[in-house]
Amino acid sequence: MKTKKIYLFFSIILLSVLNTGCIGVNRNFKIIRNSVLENLNTNFEKTIEFSVGKSAFLFAGKFMDIDDDESENIKEMLNDVSHVSIGVYEKENNEENYNNSKLLLKRITNNLAVEDWENIVKVNGDDETLGIYIKENDTDEINEMFAVILSANELVMLNFNGNLNSLAEKVIEQQGFGTKIADKF
């Protein structure tokens, strides 16, 4: 009887870890990551790379303060996200290869366009470059977003999956921004 409880306990732990996606990033993120890294003229070393699934969001939501309006808003927004992958990479050397950010974003955009990614934001600042890409499903709903942020010594990549149209509407509604999303006809 005691052995069965131990097996049950470890089975539940194993199932919850596998279900959350916390073990590593998925194949799609690795393909996009490799595509981006191929376009850079410098080598990066992985600092951290992980994924979090829907179960982890639900689990984290249990520990949020229900009386707090902001926590309730965050919990509501997380209902629309099914998976998040994050990668942070540091430059291996201290060379300044950052000065051609426009060309870099153009190459990344062209490479991702082959995989049906659409560029929606490009920012070429003095000390940081940002590209945000979306992918729509067959019904023209945004179901995936990818962001690349490159600074002088660090590269950050984020990938979100879920009902991102609904998430965007909630963020705009709750944060304001002086904007409303119009329905598609």
C-alpha atoms as a PDB file:
ATOM      1  CA  MET A   1       0.000   0.000   0.000  1.00  0.00           C
ATOM      2  CA  LYS A   2       2.823   2.390   0.874  1.00  0.00           C
ATOM      3  CA  THR A   3       4.595   1.604  -2.416  1.00  0.00           C
ATOM      4  CA  LYS A   4       1.452   2.398  -4.409  1.00  0.00           C
ATOM      5  CA  LYS A   5       1.216   5.831  -2.756  1.00  0.00           C
ATOM      6  CA  ILE A   6       4.849   6.561  -3.589  1.00  0.00           C
ATOM      7  CA  TYR A   7       4.328   5.519  -7.239  1.00  0.00           C
ATOM      8  CA  LEU A   8       1.171   7.610  -7.401  1.00  0.00           C
ATOM      9  CA  PHE A   9       2.985  10.624  -5.947  1.00  0.00           C
ATOM     10  CA  PHE A  10       5.883  10.387  -8.423  1.00  0.00           C
ATOM     11  CA  SER A  11       3.496   9.729 -11.309  1.00  0.00           C
ATOM     12  CA  ILE A  12       1.548  12.886 -10.508  1.00  0.00           C
ATOM     13  CA  ILE A  13       4.765  14.917 -10.286  1.00  0.00           C
ATOM     14  CA  LEU A  14       6.058  13.483 -13.571  1.00  0.00           C
ATOM     15  CA  LEU A  15       2.730  14.084 -15.301  1.00  0.00           C
ATOM     16  CA  SER A  16       2.541  17.681 -14.094  1.00  0.00           C
ATOM     17  CA  VAL A  17       6.096  18.444 -15.247  1.00  0.00           C
ATOM     18  CA  LEU A  18       5.499  16.883 -18.659  1.00  0.00           C
ATOM     19  CA  ASN A  19       2.157  18.638 -19.025  1.00  0.00           C
ATOM     20  CA  THR A  20       3.523  22.121 -18.280  1.00  0.00           C
ATOM     21  CA  GLY A  21       6.220  22.034 -20.935  1.00  0.00           C
ATOM     22  CA  CYS A  22       8.877  23.204 -18.487  1.00  0.00           C
ATOM     23  CA  ILE A  23      11.483  20.714 -19.652  1.00  0.00           C
ATOM     24  CA  GLY A  24      12.687  22.616 -22.702  1.00  0.00           C
ATOM     25  CA  VAL A  25      11.627  24.611 -25.693  1.00  0.00           C
ATOM     26  CA  ASN A  26       9.671  22.930 -28.445  1.00  0.00           C
ATOM     27  CA  ARG A  27      10.859  22.072 -31.943  1.00  0.00           C
ATOM     28  CA  ASN A  28       9.232  25.145 -33.541  1.00  0.00           C
ATOM     29  CA  PHE A  29      11.047  27.512 -31.177  1.00  0.00           C
ATOM     30  CA  LYS A  30      14.356  25.761 -31.914  1.00  0.00           C
ATOM     31  CA  ILE A  31      13.816  26.140 -35.671  1.00  0.00           C
ATOM     32  CA  ILE A  32      13.059  29.856 -35.335  1.00  0.00           C
ATOM     33  CA  ARG A  33      15.946  30.348 -32.893  1.00  0.00           C
ATOM     34  CA  ASN A  34      18.385  28.668 -35.274  1.00  0.00           C
ATOM     35  CA  SER A  35      17.071  30.753 -38.164  1.00  0.00           C
ATOM     36  CA  VAL A  36      17.643  33.977 -36.209  1.00  0.00           C
ATOM     37  CA  LEU A  37      21.097  32.928 -34.989  1.00  0.00           C
ATOM     38  CA  GLU A  38      22.165  32.085 -38.555  1.00  0.00           C
ATOM     39  CA  ASN A  39      21.534  35.717 -39.519  1.00  0.00           C
ATOM     40  CA  LEU A  40      23.788  37.138 -36.820  1.00  0.00           C
ATOM     41  CA  ASN A  41      27.497  37.687 -37.447  1.00  0.00           C
ATOM     42  CA  THR A  42      28.476  36.797 -33.908  1.00  0.00           C
ATOM     43  CA  ASN A  43      28.207  33.797 -31.610  1.00  0.00           C
ATOM     44  CA  PHE A  44      25.815  33.695 -28.683  1.00  0.00           C
ATOM     45  CA  GLU A  45      25.886  31.468 -25.627  1.00  0.00           C
ATOM     46  CA  LYS A  46      22.615  30.253 -24.134  1.00  0.00           C
ATOM     47  CA  THR A  47      21.934  31.826 -20.735  1.00  0.00           C
ATOM     48  CA  ILE A  48      18.486  30.350 -20.242  1.00  0.00           C
ATOM     49  CA  GLU A  49      15.916  28.701 -22.437  1.00  0.00           C
ATOM     50  CA  PHE A  50      12.585  27.336 -21.212  1.00  0.00           C
ATOM     51  CA  SER A  51       8.914  26.800 -22.008  1.00  0.00           C
ATOM     52  CA  VAL A  52       5.827  27.069 -19.870  1.00  0.00           C
ATOM     53  CA  GLY A  53       2.499  25.498 -20.780  1.00  0.00           C
ATOM     54  CA  LYS A  54      -1.145  26.088 -19.872  1.00  0.00           C
ATOM     55  CA  SER A  55      -0.999  23.883 -16.774  1.00  0.00           C
ATOM     56  CA  ALA A  56       1.790  25.994 -15.296  1.00  0.00           C
ATOM     57  CA  PHE A  57      -0.301  29.149 -15.807  1.00  0.00           C
ATOM     58  CA  LEU A  58      -3.262  27.539 -14.064  1.00  0.00           C
ATOM     59  CA  PHE A  59      -1.011  26.383 -11.233  1.00  0.00           C
ATOM     60  CA  ALA A  60       0.543  29.852 -10.829  1.00  0.00           C
ATOM     61  CA  GLY A  61      -2.925  31.390 -10.845  1.00  0.00           C
ATOM     62  CA  LYS A  62      -3.788  29.456  -7.694  1.00  0.00           C
ATOM     63  CA  PHE A  63      -1.143  31.444  -5.800  1.00  0.00           C
ATOM     64  CA  MET A  64      -2.223  34.872  -6.988  1.00  0.00           C
ATOM     65  CA  ASP A  65      -4.177  37.114  -4.609  1.00  0.00           C
ATOM     66  CA  ILE A  66      -7.809  36.887  -5.784  1.00  0.00           C
ATOM     67  CA  ASP A  67      -8.808  40.140  -4.051  1.00  0.00           C
ATOM     68  CA  ASP A  68      -6.289  42.137  -6.053  1.00  0.00           C
ATOM     69  CA  ASP A  69      -7.828  43.537  -9.271  1.00  0.00           C
ATOM     70  CA  GLU A  70      -4.508  43.456 -11.118  1.00  0.00           C
ATOM     71  CA  SER A  71      -3.986  39.771 -10.269  1.00  0.00           C
ATOM     72  CA  GLU A  72      -7.481  39.007 -11.513  1.00  0.00           C
ATOM     73  CA  ASN A  73      -6.739  40.830 -14.780  1.00  0.00           C
ATOM     74  CA  ILE A  74      -3.509  38.877 -15.235  1.00  0.00           C
ATOM     75  CA  LYS A  75      -5.284  35.581 -14.541  1.00  0.00           C
ATOM     76  CA  GLU A  76      -7.920  36.483 -17.132  1.00  0.00           C
ATOM     77  CA  MET A  77      -5.228  37.319 -19.708  1.00  0.00           C
ATOM     78  CA  LEU A  78      -3.339  34.085 -19.048  1.00  0.00           C
ATOM     79  CA  ASN A  79      -6.463  32.117 -19.974  1.00  0.00           C
ATOM     80  CA  ASP A  80      -5.794  33.098 -23.599  1.00  0.00           C
ATOM     81  CA  VAL A  81      -2.134  31.967 -23.583  1.00  0.00           C
ATOM     82  CA  SER A  82      -1.474  28.270 -24.064  1.00  0.00           C
ATOM     83  CA  HIS A  83       2.315  28.188 -24.324  1.00  0.00           C
ATOM     84  CA  VAL A  84       5.289  30.521 -23.824  1.00  0.00           C
ATOM     85  CA  SER A  85       8.899  29.851 -24.837  1.00  0.00           C
ATOM     86  CA  ILE A  86      11.702  32.172 -23.766  1.00  0.00           C
ATOM     87  CA  GLY A  87      15.362  32.203 -24.721  1.00  0.00           C
ATOM     88  CA  VAL A  88      18.069  34.553 -23.424  1.00  0.00           C
ATOM     89  CA  TYR A  89      21.514  34.450 -25.018  1.00  0.00           C
ATOM     90  CA  GLU A  90      24.688  36.412 -24.266  1.00  0.00           C
ATOM     91  CA  LYS A  91      27.302  37.446 -26.794  1.00  0.00           C
ATOM     92  CA  GLU A  92      30.381  35.241 -26.515  1.00  0.00           C
ATOM     93  CA  ASN A  93      32.765  38.073 -27.407  1.00  0.00           C
ATOM     94  CA  ASN A  94      32.664  41.802 -26.784  1.00  0.00           C
ATOM     95  CA  GLU A  95      32.963  42.849 -30.423  1.00  0.00           C
ATOM     96  CA  GLU A  96      30.604  45.550 -31.656  1.00  0.00           C
ATOM     97  CA  ASN A  97      28.729  43.929 -34.567  1.00  0.00           C
ATOM     98  CA  TYR A  98      25.556  45.734 -33.710  1.00  0.00           C
ATOM     99  CA  ASN A  99      25.780  48.670 -36.118  1.00  0.00           C
ATOM    100  CA  ASN A 100      23.904  47.000 -39.005  1.00  0.00           C
ATOM    101  CA  SER A 101      20.591  46.379 -37.235  1.00  0.00           C
ATOM    102  CA  LYS A 102      18.390  47.371 -40.208  1.00  0.00           C
ATOM    103  CA  LEU A 103      20.015  44.773 -42.438  1.00  0.00           C
ATOM    104  CA  LEU A 104      19.804  42.210 -39.642  1.00  0.00           C
ATOM    105  CA  LEU A 105      16.045  42.743 -39.159  1.00  0.00           C
ATOM    106  CA  LYS A 106      15.495  42.600 -42.911  1.00  0.00           C
ATOM    107  CA  ARG A 107      17.304  39.241 -43.148  1.00  0.00           C
ATOM    108  CA  ILE A 108      15.409  37.838 -40.146  1.00  0.00           C
ATOM    109  CA  THR A 109      12.091  39.085 -41.582  1.00  0.00           C
ATOM    110  CA  ASN A 110      12.813  37.562 -45.002  1.00  0.00           C
ATOM    111  CA  ASN A 111      13.810  34.272 -43.403  1.00  0.00           C
ATOM    112  CA  LEU A 112      10.698  34.125 -41.187  1.00  0.00           C
ATOM    113  CA  ALA A 113       8.403  35.120 -44.072  1.00  0.00           C
ATOM    114  CA  VAL A 114       9.168  31.750 -45.642  1.00  0.00           C
ATOM    115  CA  GLU A 115       7.522  30.158 -42.588  1.00  0.00           C
ATOM    116  CA  ASP A 116       4.419  32.428 -42.932  1.00  0.00           C
ATOM    117  CA  TRP A 117       5.454  34.870 -40.216  1.00  0.00           C
ATOM    118  CA  GLU A 118       4.296  38.460 -40.751  1.00  0.00           C
ATOM    119  CA  ASN A 119       6.332  41.333 -39.366  1.00  0.00           C
ATOM    120  CA  ILE A 120       4.189  43.842 -37.442  1.00  0.00           C
ATOM    121  CA  VAL A 121       6.812  45.878 -35.548  1.00  0.00           C
ATOM    122  CA  LYS A 122      10.412  46.832 -36.349  1.00  0.00           C
ATOM    123  CA  VAL A 123      12.389  49.110 -34.058  1.00  0.00           C
ATOM    124  CA  ASN A 124      15.998  50.037 -34.787  1.00  0.00           C
ATOM    125  CA  GLY A 125      17.161  52.053 -31.792  1.00  0.00           C
ATOM    126  CA  ASP A 126      20.646  53.245 -30.988  1.00  0.00           C
ATOM    127  CA  ASP A 127      21.188  50.535 -28.407  1.00  0.00           C
ATOM    128  CA  GLU A 128      18.492  47.950 -29.160  1.00  0.00           C
ATOM    129  CA  THR A 129      16.764  46.283 -32.101  1.00  0.00           C
ATOM    130  CA  LEU A 130      13.291  44.771 -31.839  1.00  0.00           C
ATOM    131  CA  GLY A 131      11.249  42.703 -34.267  1.00  0.00           C
ATOM    132  CA  ILE A 132       7.761  41.345 -33.546  1.00  0.00           C
ATOM    133  CA  TYR A 133       6.205  38.749 -35.838  1.00  0.00           C
ATOM    134  CA  ILE A 134       2.783  37.081 -35.851  1.00  0.00           C
ATOM    135  CA  LYS A 135       1.323  33.998 -37.443  1.00  0.00           C
ATOM    136  CA  GLU A 136      -2.376  33.558 -38.183  1.00  0.00           C
ATOM    137  CA  ASN A 137      -4.409  30.365 -38.425  1.00  0.00           C
ATOM    138  CA  ASP A 138      -6.819  29.472 -41.263  1.00  0.00           C
ATOM    139  CA  THR A 139      -9.543  31.747 -39.843  1.00  0.00           C
ATOM    140  CA  ASP A 140      -7.222  34.786 -39.720  1.00  0.00           C
ATOM    141  CA  GLU A 141      -6.964  34.649 -35.939  1.00  0.00           C
ATOM    142  CA  ILE A 142      -3.540  35.403 -34.492  1.00  0.00           C
ATOM    143  CA  ASN A 143      -2.421  32.223 -32.762  1.00  0.00           C
ATOM    144  CA  GLU A 144       1.325  32.761 -32.455  1.00  0.00           C
ATOM    145  CA  MET A 145       3.662  35.683 -31.793  1.00  0.00           C
ATOM    146  CA  PHE A 146       7.448  35.790 -31.906  1.00  0.00           C
ATOM    147  CA  ALA A 147       9.688  38.628 -30.671  1.00  0.00           C
ATOM    148  CA  VAL A 148      13.422  39.155 -31.177  1.00  0.00           C
ATOM    149  CA  ILE A 149      15.218  41.729 -29.040  1.00  0.00           C
ATOM    150  CA  LEU A 150      18.904  42.358 -29.711  1.00  0.00           C
ATOM    151  CA  SER A 151      21.097  44.663 -27.662  1.00  0.00           C
ATOM    152  CA  ALA A 152      24.854  45.187 -27.706  1.00  0.00           C
ATOM    153  CA  ASN A 153      25.565  42.104 -25.595  1.00  0.00           C
ATOM    154  CA  GLU A 154      22.317  40.113 -25.354  1.00  0.00           C
ATOM    155  CA  LEU A 155      19.677  38.455 -27.518  1.00  0.00           C
ATOM    156  CA  VAL A 156      16.189  37.654 -26.184  1.00  0.00           C
ATOM    157  CA  MET A 157      13.570  35.618 -28.056  1.00  0.00           C
ATOM    158  CA  LEU A 158       9.950  35.135 -26.959  1.00  0.00           C
ATOM    159  CA  ASN A 159       7.297  32.912 -28.499  1.00  0.00           C
ATOM    160  CA  PHE A 160       3.623  32.992 -27.410  1.00  0.00           C
ATOM    161  CA  ASN A 161       0.875  30.601 -28.530  1.00  0.00           C
ATOM    162  CA  GLY A 162      -2.838  30.858 -27.857  1.00  0.00           C
ATOM    163  CA  ASN A 163      -5.832  33.040 -28.615  1.00  0.00           C
ATOM    164  CA  LEU A 164      -3.761  36.173 -29.102  1.00  0.00           C
ATOM    165  CA  ASN A 165      -6.570  38.235 -30.672  1.00  0.00           C
ATOM    166  CA  SER A 166      -8.537  37.906 -27.446  1.00  0.00           C
ATOM    167  CA  LEU A 167      -5.425  38.608 -25.381  1.00  0.00           C
ATOM    168  CA  ALA A 168      -4.694  41.807 -27.341  1.00  0.00           C
ATOM    169  CA  GLU A 169      -8.272  42.985 -26.874  1.00  0.00           C
ATOM    170  CA  LYS A 170      -8.061  42.384 -23.107  1.00  0.00           C
ATOM    171  CA  VAL A 171      -4.717  44.176 -22.791  1.00  0.00           C
ATOM    172  CA  ILE A 172      -5.989  47.192 -24.719  1.00  0.00           C
ATOM    173  CA  GLU A 173      -9.252  47.213 -22.763  1.00  0.00           C
ATOM    174  CA  GLN A 174      -7.535  46.969 -19.370  1.00  0.00           C
ATOM    175  CA  GLN A 175      -4.495  49.137 -20.051  1.00  0.00           C
ATOM    176  CA  GLY A 176      -6.240  51.751 -22.161  1.00  0.00           C
ATOM    177  CA  PHE A 177      -3.653  52.938 -24.700  1.00  0.00           C
ATOM    178  CA  GLY A 178      -6.409  55.179 -26.133  1.00  0.00           C
ATOM    179  CA  THR A 179      -7.186  52.534 -28.783  1.00  0.00           C
ATOM    180  CA  LYS A 180     -10.030  50.159 -29.595  1.00  0.00           C
ATOM    181  CA  ILE A 181      -9.880  47.084 -31.802  1.00  0.00           C
ATOM    182  CA  ALA A 182     -12.476  47.059 -34.578  1.00  0.00           C
ATOM    183  CA  ASP A 183     -14.273  43.882 -35.527  1.00  0.00           C
ATOM    184  CA  LYS A 184     -13.368  42.344 -38.881  1.00  0.00           C
ATOM    185  CA  PHE A 185     -16.184  42.170 -41.418  1.00  0.00           C
END
